[in-house]
Amino acid sequence: MKALLAVLNPVMENRTSRTNLRALANLILVLAGLVAVFSLLFHVLMVREGQEHSWITGLYWTLTVMTTLGFGDITFQGDLGRLFSVVVLCSGVVFMLVLLPFTFIEFFYAPWMRAQAAAKAPRELPASTSGHVILTDHGPLATTLIPMLEKYGHPYVVLCPTLQEALDLDERGVRVAVGDLDDPETYRRMRVEQAAMLVATRADVINTNATFTARELAERVPIVASASSDSARDVLELAGATLVLRLEEMMGSALARRVSIRDSDAHVIGNLDGLLIAEAAAHGTPLAGQTLAQSGLRTRTGVSVIGVWDHGRLAVAEADMMIRTDTIFVLAGTREQLDRYNAAFPNDTTSKPRVLIIGGGRVGRATSRVLRDLGIQTTIIEKIPERVAGHPEAVIGDATQMDVLKKAAAREATTLIITTHDDDTNVALTIFFRRLRSNWQILARSTLDRNLKTLLRAGADLVLSYSSMGANTVFNLLRGGDHLLLAEGVNVFPSPIPESVAGRRLGELEIRSQTGCTVIAVESRGKREINPGPELLMPAGGRMFLIGTLEAEEKFLELHKPAQPLKRGRRH
């Protein structure tokens, strides 16, 4: 009985469904009345033919004829009885094989299926919901961000404008809700005023409307929105966006920074409570050919090399690591220490590369602008002329055609940057260009994380993920100023020095071997030591900065419970 009620309740709660069920019940009553009338007429006609049968037999005969079973064990002998049998048979076909199944499906089964679908994609979140992230789209950014949210215990919901879209995502294990993105009532039902963040990543006009609508209901909730142009960014900021993502510009700048022959300055990429994280190229410095220990970087400048970029992945720096001309350091230090690094390794402007950019979309044009500002000559190859209108050096055509490459002076290029938005195209282009010339530095853009390794196997020297860049930015804002996500899963975070650590030497703690985290700084009484040595005594009441994956951070916090609560990002 409970199971039946569980099935019926979602249907009975809807007014239209209750009306339909009444119609179904009326049809069943008409059918029951018809069976009774036919059973009675069966007896009357059988008596006229001199046959005697029980009432049960009459009901049995009526049902077998109406359902077209017709066993033939009971039959009429006269024409009148046989004509009656035809009438009963046709009535059964119409009522039991056509009307009843159709009515059942239309008035009961279909509404029940819709109710079940609606239960999978609710239009309202429970009143107790709080601290959740509302996503307006399940695009590349959300695809990367959602596993990060799940891993760190942040609840989320993807808001879908249509039920079908929601059901498709639900089948893939995504938490969804249904609602119009421009309707204030939608955001009320999504408990936006209690949310940790709203992330709008659809078209510019949709993002603007969603931002403006949600901001009216929640004044303090952070809203992150993507924009495809500077004008869209300005409008989104006016609408109330906390952070506007120009992912194309971000990707262009990141690709440009990784051109191997460029200035050796340290470029700041993050700030964690005054601890600056920066990138710096080894090219153009006397460091190439030395180990990290031999370079004496820490002694000369005070900065700490916390890692190096290895094909787009951050690898922890070891003392015996050999520095190559294409090595890109990830440094940690204060502003003064980074200034000392820049002074020790001034820009080498004696040689400049020539860069060939494949794809004149927003990412390609942004990359070109950054490189030209650095004094680096660039040429864009693009099939659609309108995209590169006004670019001083653009070649229209297919980049795989030799005459187009000749026109673009590809032989003079030292670096090739592939920036199209289609990962399949980028893989094919990478394979083609790597076979064409083995000594090109090939940088590639990947829209989806899952294609990173494929592009590397295809021959790219470095691949940057469009989705990860956006997801990392959103995640950093969500966590507040206490964490800095550098790359896919690589996290810089502070922790109050645990009681289990205070008073002991750093070397004997074996934090790295036990947790996977590396201590990059220790702070106590206003003084901060970057890249502390193994002999450092861990001060009570201080705090430490560590770098590691999200899993490594969790392991550290499990093994070393902080002496005071660890600050988290803003919650609502």
Protein backbone atom coordinates (compact mmCIF):
# COMPACT_ATOMS: atom_id res chain seq x y z
CA MET A 1 0.00 0.00 0.00
CA LYS A 2 2.83 2.43 0.87
CA ALA A 3 4.50 1.72 -2.47
CA LEU A 4 1.23 2.43 -4.30
CA LEU A 5 0.80 5.71 -2.43
CA ALA A 6 4.35 6.69 -3.30
CA VAL A 7 3.52 6.20 -6.95
CA LEU A 8 0.17 8.00 -6.81
CA ASN A 9 1.09 10.97 -4.60
CA PRO A 10 3.16 12.89 -7.21
CA VAL A 11 0.30 12.52 -9.67
CA MET A 12 -2.51 13.35 -7.26
CA GLU A 13 -0.80 16.56 -6.16
CA ASN A 14 -1.41 18.05 -9.63
CA ARG A 15 -4.89 19.45 -10.35
CA THR A 16 -4.83 18.49 -14.03
CA SER A 17 -3.70 14.99 -13.12
CA ARG A 18 -6.61 14.61 -10.70
CA THR A 19 -9.03 15.64 -13.46
CA ASN A 20 -7.49 13.13 -15.83
CA LEU A 21 -7.73 10.36 -13.26
CA ARG A 22 -11.42 11.09 -12.79
CA ALA A 23 -11.91 10.77 -16.57
CA LEU A 24 -10.08 7.45 -16.49
CA ALA A 25 -12.25 6.26 -13.62
CA ASN A 26 -15.42 7.26 -15.51
CA LEU A 27 -14.28 5.29 -18.56
CA ILE A 28 -13.68 2.22 -16.41
CA LEU A 29 -17.18 2.60 -14.92
CA VAL A 30 -18.72 2.81 -18.42
CA LEU A 31 -16.79 -0.31 -19.41
CA ALA A 32 -17.96 -2.13 -16.28
CA GLY A 33 -21.57 -1.16 -17.05
CA LEU A 34 -21.17 -2.39 -20.61
CA VAL A 35 -19.83 -5.75 -19.39
CA ALA A 36 -22.80 -6.09 -17.06
CA VAL A 37 -25.31 -5.29 -19.83
CA PHE A 38 -23.65 -7.75 -22.23
CA SER A 39 -23.66 -10.49 -19.55
CA LEU A 40 -27.39 -9.96 -19.01
CA LEU A 41 -28.16 -10.04 -22.74
CA PHE A 42 -26.04 -13.21 -23.01
CA HIS A 43 -28.39 -14.98 -20.60
CA VAL A 44 -31.53 -13.70 -22.39
CA LEU A 45 -30.36 -14.87 -25.81
CA MET A 46 -29.05 -18.19 -24.50
CA VAL A 47 -32.47 -18.93 -22.92
CA ARG A 48 -34.14 -18.21 -26.28
CA GLU A 49 -31.85 -20.83 -27.83
CA GLY A 50 -32.63 -23.30 -25.05
CA GLN A 51 -29.24 -23.11 -23.32
CA GLU A 52 -28.76 -22.62 -19.59
CA HIS A 53 -25.60 -21.01 -18.14
CA SER A 54 -24.59 -19.50 -14.80
CA TRP A 55 -24.01 -15.79 -14.24
CA ILE A 56 -20.27 -16.49 -13.90
CA THR A 57 -20.34 -18.16 -17.30
CA GLY A 58 -22.03 -15.09 -18.76
CA LEU A 59 -19.32 -12.82 -17.36
CA TYR A 60 -16.66 -15.25 -18.60
CA TRP A 61 -18.12 -15.32 -22.12
CA THR A 62 -18.43 -11.51 -22.26
CA LEU A 63 -14.82 -10.92 -21.23
CA THR A 64 -13.36 -13.56 -23.57
CA VAL A 65 -15.23 -12.07 -26.51
CA MET A 66 -14.45 -8.43 -25.66
CA THR A 67 -10.76 -9.19 -25.26
CA THR A 68 -10.83 -11.11 -28.58
CA LEU A 69 -9.68 -14.31 -26.88
CA GLY A 70 -12.77 -16.21 -28.10
CA PHE A 71 -11.99 -19.72 -26.87
CA GLY A 72 -15.06 -21.09 -28.73
CA ASP A 73 -16.21 -23.29 -25.81
CA ILE A 74 -19.49 -21.33 -25.53
CA THR A 75 -21.19 -20.24 -28.74
CA PHE A 76 -24.53 -19.09 -30.07
CA GLN A 77 -26.29 -21.25 -32.63
CA GLY A 78 -28.69 -18.71 -34.08
CA ASP A 79 -28.05 -15.63 -36.23
CA LEU A 80 -29.31 -13.23 -33.56
CA GLY A 81 -26.84 -14.59 -31.02
CA ARG A 82 -24.01 -14.48 -33.50
CA LEU A 83 -24.87 -10.87 -34.40
CA PHE A 84 -24.81 -10.09 -30.69
CA SER A 85 -21.38 -11.71 -30.47
CA VAL A 86 -20.12 -9.40 -33.25
CA VAL A 87 -21.43 -6.36 -31.38
CA VAL A 88 -19.71 -7.50 -28.16
CA LEU A 89 -16.48 -8.19 -30.06
CA CYS A 90 -16.42 -4.74 -31.73
CA SER A 91 -17.28 -3.02 -28.48
CA GLY A 92 -14.42 -4.84 -26.76
CA VAL A 93 -11.96 -3.83 -29.49
CA VAL A 94 -12.99 -0.18 -29.19
CA PHE A 95 -13.12 0.03 -25.41
CA MET A 96 -10.57 -2.47 -24.12
CA LEU A 97 -7.96 -2.40 -26.87
CA VAL A 98 -8.16 1.25 -27.94
CA LEU A 99 -9.90 3.65 -25.56
CA LEU A 100 -8.81 2.13 -22.24
CA PRO A 101 -5.06 1.77 -23.05
CA PHE A 102 -4.96 5.23 -24.65
CA THR A 103 -6.74 6.82 -21.71
CA PHE A 104 -4.53 4.99 -19.22
CA ILE A 105 -1.35 6.12 -20.94
CA GLU A 106 -2.49 9.69 -21.56
CA PHE A 107 -4.23 10.36 -18.24
CA PHE A 108 -2.19 8.27 -15.81
CA TYR A 109 1.08 6.83 -17.07
CA ALA A 110 2.35 9.88 -18.96
CA PRO A 111 1.58 12.32 -16.06
CA TRP A 112 3.24 9.89 -13.68
CA MET A 113 6.35 9.77 -15.89
CA ARG A 114 6.38 13.56 -16.06
CA ALA A 115 6.06 13.74 -12.28
CA GLN A 116 8.98 11.34 -11.92
CA ALA A 117 11.03 13.48 -14.31
CA ALA A 118 10.14 16.62 -12.39
CA ALA A 119 11.30 14.98 -9.17
CA LYS A 120 14.74 14.47 -10.74
CA ALA A 121 14.87 18.10 -11.82
CA PRO A 122 13.22 20.17 -9.07
CA ARG A 123 12.12 23.76 -9.57
CA GLU A 124 12.84 24.70 -5.98
CA LEU A 125 15.59 23.91 -3.48
CA PRO A 126 14.79 23.15 0.17
CA ALA A 127 14.56 26.18 2.44
CA SER A 128 17.52 24.90 4.46
CA THR A 129 19.85 25.02 1.43
CA SER A 130 22.82 27.35 1.97
CA GLY A 131 26.46 27.76 0.99
CA HIS A 132 25.78 26.33 -2.48
CA VAL A 133 27.11 27.40 -5.86
CA ILE A 134 24.54 28.13 -8.58
CA LEU A 135 25.74 27.47 -12.14
CA THR A 136 23.72 28.70 -15.11
CA ASP A 137 25.38 26.44 -17.67
CA HIS A 138 27.11 23.07 -17.92
CA GLY A 139 29.80 24.22 -20.32
CA PRO A 140 33.57 23.59 -20.29
CA LEU A 141 34.14 25.74 -17.20
CA ALA A 142 31.41 24.00 -15.19
CA THR A 143 32.60 20.57 -16.35
CA THR A 144 35.96 21.24 -14.71
CA LEU A 145 34.65 23.18 -11.71
CA ILE A 146 32.04 20.65 -10.55
CA PRO A 147 34.54 17.86 -9.66
CA MET A 148 36.54 20.45 -7.69
CA LEU A 149 33.41 21.51 -5.79
CA GLU A 150 32.49 17.89 -5.07
CA LYS A 151 36.01 17.05 -3.92
CA TYR A 152 36.01 19.93 -1.46
CA GLY A 153 32.47 19.47 -0.22
CA HIS A 154 30.88 22.54 -1.80
CA PRO A 155 27.23 21.89 -2.75
CA TYR A 156 26.17 23.09 -6.18
CA VAL A 157 23.27 23.06 -8.61
CA VAL A 158 23.18 23.60 -12.37
CA LEU A 159 20.20 25.76 -13.31
CA CYS A 160 18.65 24.64 -16.61
CA PRO A 161 16.03 26.62 -18.55
CA THR A 162 14.36 23.45 -19.92
CA LEU A 163 13.30 20.19 -18.34
CA GLN A 164 14.89 18.11 -21.10
CA GLU A 165 18.29 19.73 -20.58
CA ALA A 166 17.99 19.06 -16.86
CA LEU A 167 17.06 15.41 -17.39
CA ASP A 168 19.99 14.91 -19.78
CA LEU A 169 22.39 16.28 -17.17
CA ASP A 170 20.74 14.27 -14.41
CA GLU A 171 21.43 11.10 -16.37
CA ARG A 172 25.12 12.08 -16.24
CA GLY A 173 25.05 12.46 -12.47
CA VAL A 174 24.89 16.27 -12.38
CA ARG A 175 22.77 18.00 -9.70
CA VAL A 176 20.21 20.09 -11.55
CA ALA A 177 17.21 22.34 -11.14
CA VAL A 178 14.79 23.86 -13.66
CA GLY A 179 13.96 27.51 -14.02
CA ASP A 180 13.97 30.50 -16.36
CA LEU A 181 17.27 32.35 -16.08
CA ASP A 182 15.61 35.77 -16.36
CA ASP A 183 12.89 35.17 -13.75
CA PRO A 184 13.41 36.56 -10.21
CA GLU A 185 11.20 33.80 -8.85
CA THR A 186 13.70 31.25 -10.16
CA TYR A 187 16.49 32.69 -8.04
CA ARG A 188 14.21 32.91 -5.02
CA ARG A 189 13.48 29.20 -5.41
CA MET A 190 17.23 28.55 -5.82
CA ARG A 191 17.81 30.30 -2.46
CA VAL A 192 20.25 32.73 -4.08
CA GLU A 193 20.34 34.92 -0.97
CA GLN A 194 21.82 31.91 0.91
CA ALA A 195 24.19 30.85 -1.87
CA ALA A 196 27.98 31.00 -1.73
CA MET A 197 28.23 32.12 -5.35
CA LEU A 198 26.41 32.47 -8.66
CA VAL A 199 28.36 31.60 -11.82
CA ALA A 200 26.84 32.81 -15.11
CA THR A 201 28.65 31.50 -18.20
CA ARG A 202 26.13 31.61 -21.04
CA ALA A 203 25.83 34.31 -23.73
CA ASP A 204 26.60 37.90 -22.70
CA VAL A 205 22.98 39.12 -22.73
CA ILE A 206 21.79 36.10 -20.73
CA ASN A 207 24.62 36.55 -18.22
CA THR A 208 23.74 40.24 -17.85
CA ASN A 209 20.06 39.53 -17.21
CA ALA A 210 20.86 36.71 -14.77
CA THR A 211 23.38 38.88 -12.92
CA PHE A 212 21.06 41.88 -12.68
CA THR A 213 18.11 39.74 -11.59
CA ALA A 214 20.06 37.81 -8.94
CA ARG A 215 21.78 40.94 -7.61
CA GLU A 216 18.43 42.52 -6.79
CA LEU A 217 17.68 39.56 -4.51
CA ALA A 218 21.15 39.00 -3.03
CA GLU A 219 23.30 42.07 -2.48
CA ARG A 220 26.31 40.33 -0.95
CA VAL A 221 26.52 37.05 -2.84
CA PRO A 222 29.54 36.94 -5.18
CA ILE A 223 28.51 36.73 -8.83
CA VAL A 224 31.00 35.58 -11.46
CA ALA A 225 30.07 36.10 -15.10
CA SER A 226 31.87 35.47 -18.36
CA ALA A 227 32.10 38.12 -21.08
CA SER A 228 33.14 37.95 -24.70
CA SER A 229 34.08 41.63 -25.11
CA ASP A 230 35.17 44.70 -23.18
CA SER A 231 31.77 46.32 -23.64
CA ALA A 232 30.04 43.21 -22.26
CA ARG A 233 32.40 43.28 -19.29
CA ASP A 234 31.47 46.90 -18.57
CA VAL A 235 27.75 46.13 -18.73
CA LEU A 236 28.14 43.09 -16.45
CA GLU A 237 30.01 45.16 -13.90
CA LEU A 238 27.20 47.72 -13.97
CA ALA A 239 24.69 44.88 -13.54
CA GLY A 240 26.42 43.87 -10.31
CA ALA A 241 28.95 41.17 -11.21
CA THR A 242 31.66 40.70 -8.58
CA LEU A 243 34.11 39.29 -11.11
CA VAL A 244 33.89 39.30 -14.91
CA LEU A 245 35.90 36.61 -16.67
CA ARG A 246 37.47 37.50 -20.00
CA LEU A 247 38.73 33.96 -20.49
CA GLU A 248 39.93 34.62 -24.02
CA GLU A 249 42.13 37.46 -22.78
CA MET A 250 43.38 35.35 -19.87
CA MET A 251 44.24 32.48 -22.18
CA GLY A 252 45.95 34.81 -24.66
CA SER A 253 48.11 36.33 -21.92
CA ALA A 254 49.01 32.92 -20.50
CA LEU A 255 50.01 31.57 -23.92
CA ALA A 256 52.07 34.67 -24.65
CA ARG A 257 53.91 34.38 -21.33
CA ARG A 258 55.04 30.90 -22.25
CA VAL A 259 56.75 31.76 -25.50
CA SER A 260 60.24 30.48 -24.77
CA ILE A 261 62.25 33.45 -26.11
CA ARG A 262 60.97 36.46 -24.23
CA ASP A 263 61.82 38.68 -21.29
CA SER A 264 63.05 36.96 -18.14
CA ASP A 265 61.07 39.13 -15.72
CA ALA A 266 59.06 37.46 -12.99
CA HIS A 267 55.35 37.93 -13.74
CA VAL A 268 53.05 37.78 -10.72
CA ILE A 269 50.18 35.28 -11.17
CA GLY A 270 48.81 35.20 -7.61
CA ASN A 271 48.86 36.88 -4.21
CA LEU A 272 48.22 34.96 -1.00
CA ASP A 273 48.24 37.27 2.00
CA GLY A 274 51.29 39.13 0.71
CA LEU A 275 53.07 35.99 -0.48
CA LEU A 276 53.43 36.56 -4.23
CA ILE A 277 53.45 33.69 -6.71
CA ALA A 278 55.15 34.49 -10.02
CA GLU A 279 56.37 32.90 -13.25
CA ALA A 280 59.79 33.51 -14.77
CA ALA A 281 61.51 32.05 -17.83
CA ALA A 282 65.04 30.71 -17.61
CA HIS A 283 65.70 31.69 -21.23
CA GLY A 284 68.02 34.66 -21.55
CA THR A 285 69.59 34.03 -18.12
CA PRO A 286 72.85 32.23 -17.22
CA LEU A 287 70.85 29.65 -15.24
CA ALA A 288 70.43 27.13 -18.08
CA GLY A 289 72.71 24.13 -17.67
CA GLN A 290 72.83 24.40 -13.86
CA THR A 291 70.98 22.45 -11.22
CA LEU A 292 68.59 24.34 -9.02
CA ALA A 293 71.01 23.93 -6.09
CA GLN A 294 73.91 25.29 -8.15
CA SER A 295 71.92 28.34 -9.29
CA GLY A 296 71.86 29.82 -5.80
CA LEU A 297 68.58 31.57 -6.57
CA ARG A 298 67.43 31.60 -2.97
CA THR A 299 70.73 32.99 -1.69
CA ARG A 300 70.97 35.65 -4.39
CA THR A 301 67.39 36.87 -4.47
CA GLY A 302 65.49 35.37 -1.53
CA VAL A 303 62.82 33.85 -3.76
CA SER A 304 61.82 30.22 -3.52
CA VAL A 305 61.40 28.04 -6.59
CA ILE A 306 58.30 26.07 -5.64
CA GLY A 307 57.90 24.36 -8.99
CA VAL A 308 58.39 24.42 -12.74
CA TRP A 309 55.89 24.12 -15.55
CA ASP A 310 56.29 20.77 -17.28
CA HIS A 311 54.06 20.55 -20.38
CA GLY A 312 51.38 22.61 -18.69
CA ARG A 313 51.59 20.72 -15.41
CA LEU A 314 53.23 22.06 -12.27
CA ALA A 315 56.09 19.83 -11.12
CA VAL A 316 57.63 20.28 -7.67
CA ALA A 317 61.18 21.63 -7.97
CA GLU A 318 63.97 19.36 -6.69
CA ALA A 319 67.46 20.55 -5.69
CA ASP A 320 69.07 18.37 -8.38
CA MET A 321 66.67 19.47 -11.12
CA MET A 322 68.51 20.59 -14.25
CA ILE A 323 67.49 24.03 -15.54
CA ARG A 324 66.88 24.13 -19.31
CA THR A 325 66.50 27.09 -21.66
CA ASP A 326 62.75 26.38 -21.87
CA THR A 327 62.30 26.04 -18.10
CA ILE A 328 59.63 28.27 -16.61
CA PHE A 329 59.96 28.73 -12.84
CA VAL A 330 57.09 29.19 -10.42
CA LEU A 331 58.48 31.47 -7.71
CA ALA A 332 57.26 32.44 -4.24
CA GLY A 333 58.45 35.55 -2.44
CA THR A 334 57.75 39.09 -1.38
CA ARG A 335 57.59 42.05 -3.74
CA GLU A 336 61.12 43.05 -2.72
CA GLN A 337 62.47 39.55 -3.38
CA LEU A 338 60.91 39.43 -6.83
CA ASP A 339 62.39 42.85 -7.60
CA ARG A 340 65.82 41.49 -6.62
CA TYR A 341 65.23 38.53 -8.98
CA ASN A 342 64.40 40.90 -11.86
CA ALA A 343 67.48 43.00 -11.10
CA ALA A 344 69.70 39.89 -11.06
CA PHE A 345 68.36 38.72 -14.43
CA PRO A 346 67.62 41.76 -16.59
CA ASN A 347 65.70 41.45 -19.82
CA ASP A 348 67.55 40.03 -22.79
CA THR A 349 66.36 42.02 -25.77
CA THR A 350 69.09 41.00 -28.17
CA SER A 351 66.93 38.42 -29.87
CA LYS A 352 63.23 38.27 -30.46
CA PRO A 353 61.24 35.36 -31.78
CA ARG A 354 58.79 35.30 -34.60
CA VAL A 355 55.51 33.72 -33.58
CA LEU A 356 52.95 32.13 -35.87
CA ILE A 357 49.42 32.02 -34.46
CA ILE A 358 46.91 29.56 -35.92
CA GLY A 359 43.39 30.87 -35.43
CA GLY A 360 42.26 34.48 -35.41
CA GLY A 361 39.47 34.16 -32.86
CA ARG A 362 39.35 36.03 -29.58
CA VAL A 363 42.13 33.92 -28.02
CA GLY A 364 44.39 34.25 -31.06
CA ARG A 365 43.92 38.01 -31.28
CA ALA A 366 44.50 38.43 -27.53
CA THR A 367 47.72 36.38 -27.75
CA SER A 368 48.92 38.51 -30.63
CA ARG A 369 48.24 41.77 -28.79
CA VAL A 370 50.23 40.68 -25.74
CA LEU A 371 53.18 39.50 -27.84
CA ARG A 372 53.23 42.68 -29.92
CA ASP A 373 53.30 44.72 -26.70
CA LEU A 374 56.45 42.75 -25.81
CA GLY A 375 57.95 43.69 -29.13
CA ILE A 376 57.53 40.22 -30.62
CA GLN A 377 56.50 39.93 -34.25
CA THR A 378 53.39 37.80 -34.83
CA THR A 379 51.49 36.53 -37.84
CA ILE A 380 47.94 35.15 -37.61
CA ILE A 381 46.61 32.57 -40.05
CA GLU A 382 42.81 32.65 -40.19
CA LYS A 383 40.19 31.35 -42.64
CA ILE A 384 37.59 34.05 -41.94
CA PRO A 385 38.79 37.54 -43.00
CA GLU A 386 36.42 39.43 -40.69
CA ARG A 387 38.11 38.03 -37.60
CA VAL A 388 41.49 39.56 -38.36
CA ALA A 389 40.38 42.79 -39.97
CA GLY A 390 42.86 45.46 -38.99
CA HIS A 391 45.58 43.07 -37.89
CA PRO A 392 48.85 44.30 -39.35
CA GLU A 393 50.13 40.84 -40.27
CA ALA A 394 47.37 38.40 -41.02
CA VAL A 395 47.22 35.73 -43.70
CA ILE A 396 43.85 34.45 -44.88
CA GLY A 397 43.67 30.76 -45.66
CA ASP A 398 44.05 27.18 -44.47
CA ALA A 399 47.07 26.75 -42.22
CA THR A 400 47.68 23.24 -43.57
CA GLN A 401 48.24 24.56 -47.13
CA MET A 402 51.90 25.07 -48.03
CA ASP A 403 51.28 28.22 -50.06
CA VAL A 404 49.53 29.80 -47.05
CA LEU A 405 52.44 28.85 -44.75
CA LYS A 406 54.92 30.28 -47.26
CA LYS A 407 52.97 33.54 -47.41
CA ALA A 408 53.03 33.66 -43.57
CA ALA A 409 56.83 33.14 -43.55
CA ALA A 410 56.44 30.03 -41.43
CA ARG A 411 60.10 29.07 -41.95
CA GLU A 412 61.15 32.14 -39.97
CA ALA A 413 58.89 31.34 -37.03
CA THR A 414 60.37 29.96 -33.82
CA THR A 415 57.10 29.36 -32.01
CA LEU A 416 53.71 28.13 -33.18
CA ILE A 417 50.59 28.83 -31.09
CA ILE A 418 47.37 26.92 -31.91
CA THR A 419 44.34 28.77 -30.55
CA THR A 420 41.18 27.48 -32.26
CA HIS A 421 38.22 26.72 -30.00
CA ASP A 422 37.79 23.19 -31.37
CA ASP A 423 39.97 20.60 -29.62
CA ASP A 424 39.71 18.08 -32.48
CA THR A 425 41.03 20.69 -34.89
CA ASN A 426 43.84 21.58 -32.48
CA VAL A 427 44.91 17.93 -32.21
CA ALA A 428 44.98 17.54 -36.00
CA LEU A 429 46.94 20.79 -36.43
CA THR A 430 49.43 19.81 -33.73
CA ILE A 431 50.14 16.47 -35.41
CA PHE A 432 50.52 18.18 -38.80
CA PHE A 433 52.88 20.92 -37.63
CA ARG A 434 54.98 18.62 -35.45
CA ARG A 435 55.57 16.34 -38.44
CA LEU A 436 56.26 19.35 -40.62
CA ARG A 437 58.97 20.76 -38.35
CA SER A 438 60.38 19.07 -35.27
CA ASN A 439 62.14 22.08 -33.71
CA TRP A 440 59.13 24.40 -33.47
CA GLN A 441 57.99 25.29 -30.00
CA ILE A 442 54.30 24.38 -30.24
CA LEU A 443 51.87 25.81 -27.71
CA ALA A 444 48.24 24.75 -27.85
CA ARG A 445 44.95 25.74 -26.28
CA SER A 446 42.63 23.05 -25.01
CA THR A 447 38.97 23.86 -24.37
CA LEU A 448 38.29 20.70 -22.35
CA ASP A 449 40.56 19.16 -19.73
CA ARG A 450 40.16 15.68 -21.13
CA ASN A 451 42.06 16.66 -24.27
CA LEU A 452 45.21 17.89 -22.49
CA LYS A 453 47.07 14.59 -22.69
CA THR A 454 45.91 14.00 -26.26
CA LEU A 455 47.42 17.30 -27.39
CA LEU A 456 50.67 16.52 -25.59
CA ARG A 457 50.85 13.12 -27.28
CA ALA A 458 50.17 14.83 -30.60
CA GLY A 459 53.39 16.80 -30.17
CA ALA A 460 52.58 20.01 -28.30
CA ASP A 461 55.32 21.29 -26.01
CA LEU A 462 52.78 22.89 -23.70
CA VAL A 463 49.01 22.85 -23.44
CA LEU A 464 46.89 25.27 -21.45
CA SER A 465 43.34 24.39 -20.51
CA TYR A 466 40.65 26.99 -21.16
CA SER A 467 38.22 25.32 -18.77
CA SER A 468 40.78 24.87 -15.98
CA MET A 469 41.83 28.50 -16.17
CA GLY A 470 38.25 29.64 -15.63
CA ALA A 471 37.46 26.99 -13.02
CA ASN A 472 40.60 27.81 -11.02
CA THR A 473 39.70 31.50 -11.00
CA VAL A 474 36.18 30.80 -9.77
CA PHE A 475 37.42 28.33 -7.15
CA ASN A 476 39.96 30.82 -5.82
CA LEU A 477 37.26 33.45 -5.40
CA LEU A 478 34.97 30.93 -3.72
CA ARG A 479 37.61 29.96 -1.20
CA GLY A 480 38.32 33.61 -0.44
CA GLY A 481 41.81 34.96 0.14
CA ASP A 482 43.03 31.90 2.01
CA HIS A 483 43.77 29.65 -0.97
CA LEU A 484 45.37 30.03 -4.38
CA LEU A 485 44.78 27.35 -7.01
CA LEU A 486 47.67 27.58 -9.49
CA ALA A 487 46.88 24.78 -11.90
CA GLU A 488 44.83 21.64 -12.27
CA GLY A 489 44.59 20.52 -8.67
CA VAL A 490 47.71 22.40 -7.45
CA ASN A 491 46.86 24.47 -4.39
CA VAL A 492 48.78 27.02 -2.29
CA PHE A 493 47.23 27.41 1.16
CA PRO A 494 48.06 28.65 4.68
CA SER A 495 47.56 26.73 7.90
CA PRO A 496 47.99 27.74 11.55
CA ILE A 497 50.94 25.76 12.86
CA PRO A 498 49.42 22.67 14.55
CA GLU A 499 50.29 21.80 18.14
CA SER A 500 51.75 18.53 16.85
CA VAL A 501 54.26 20.54 14.80
CA ALA A 502 55.15 23.46 17.09
CA GLY A 503 58.63 23.25 18.63
CA ARG A 504 59.89 20.61 16.24
CA ARG A 505 62.34 21.00 13.38
CA LEU A 506 60.83 21.13 9.91
CA GLY A 507 63.07 18.37 8.57
CA GLU A 508 61.99 15.80 11.14
CA LEU A 509 58.29 16.33 10.42
CA GLU A 510 58.49 14.65 6.98
CA ILE A 511 55.44 16.62 5.85
CA ARG A 512 56.15 16.11 2.17
CA SER A 513 56.64 12.34 2.35
CA GLN A 514 53.60 11.84 4.59
CA THR A 515 51.12 14.21 2.94
CA GLY A 516 52.47 15.27 -0.45
CA CYS A 517 52.52 18.94 0.63
CA THR A 518 55.63 21.13 0.56
CA VAL A 519 56.18 23.94 3.09
CA ILE A 520 57.13 27.08 1.14
CA ALA A 521 57.01 29.68 3.93
CA VAL A 522 56.72 29.99 7.72
CA GLU A 523 55.42 33.14 9.39
CA SER A 524 55.68 34.18 13.04
CA ARG A 525 55.42 37.57 14.80
CA GLY A 526 55.32 39.50 11.54
CA LYS A 527 58.38 37.81 10.05
CA ARG A 528 58.15 35.42 7.13
CA GLU A 529 60.80 32.95 6.02
CA ILE A 530 60.50 31.82 2.42
CA ASN A 531 61.56 28.27 1.57
CA PRO A 532 62.60 27.40 5.12
CA GLY A 533 65.42 24.90 5.69
CA PRO A 534 65.08 21.56 7.52
CA GLU A 535 66.67 23.01 10.70
CA LEU A 536 63.93 25.59 11.22
CA LEU A 537 62.11 25.28 14.55
CA MET A 538 58.38 25.57 13.94
CA PRO A 539 57.08 28.45 16.09
CA ALA A 540 54.00 28.04 18.24
CA GLY A 541 51.21 30.43 17.31
CA GLY A 542 52.60 31.05 13.81
CA ARG A 543 51.37 29.85 10.48
CA MET A 544 52.80 28.02 7.50
CA PHE A 545 52.19 28.21 3.77
CA LEU A 546 52.10 24.95 1.83
CA ILE A 547 51.73 23.84 -1.78
CA GLY A 548 50.12 20.58 -2.85
CA THR A 549 47.17 19.00 -4.56
CA LEU A 550 43.70 19.19 -3.07
CA GLU A 551 44.10 15.58 -1.93
CA ALA A 552 47.44 16.41 -0.31
CA GLU A 553 45.87 19.34 1.55
CA GLU A 554 43.13 17.08 2.88
CA LYS A 555 45.73 14.54 4.01
CA PHE A 556 47.74 17.27 5.75
CA LEU A 557 44.68 18.57 7.61
CA GLU A 558 43.79 15.03 8.68
CA LEU A 559 47.31 14.32 9.95
CA HIS A 560 48.01 17.74 11.45
CA LYS A 561 44.92 19.34 12.91
CA PRO A 562 45.51 23.12 13.12
CA ALA A 563 45.94 24.68 16.54
CA GLN A 564 43.24 27.20 15.57
CA PRO A 565 40.39 26.93 13.05
CA LEU A 566 41.54 27.20 9.47
CA LYS A 567 40.00 30.21 7.78
CA ARG A 568 37.88 29.42 4.80
CA GLY A 569 36.51 31.47 2.02
CA ARG A 570 33.38 33.53 2.38
CA ARG A 571 30.23 31.61 3.18
CA HIS A 572 26.64 32.77 2.96
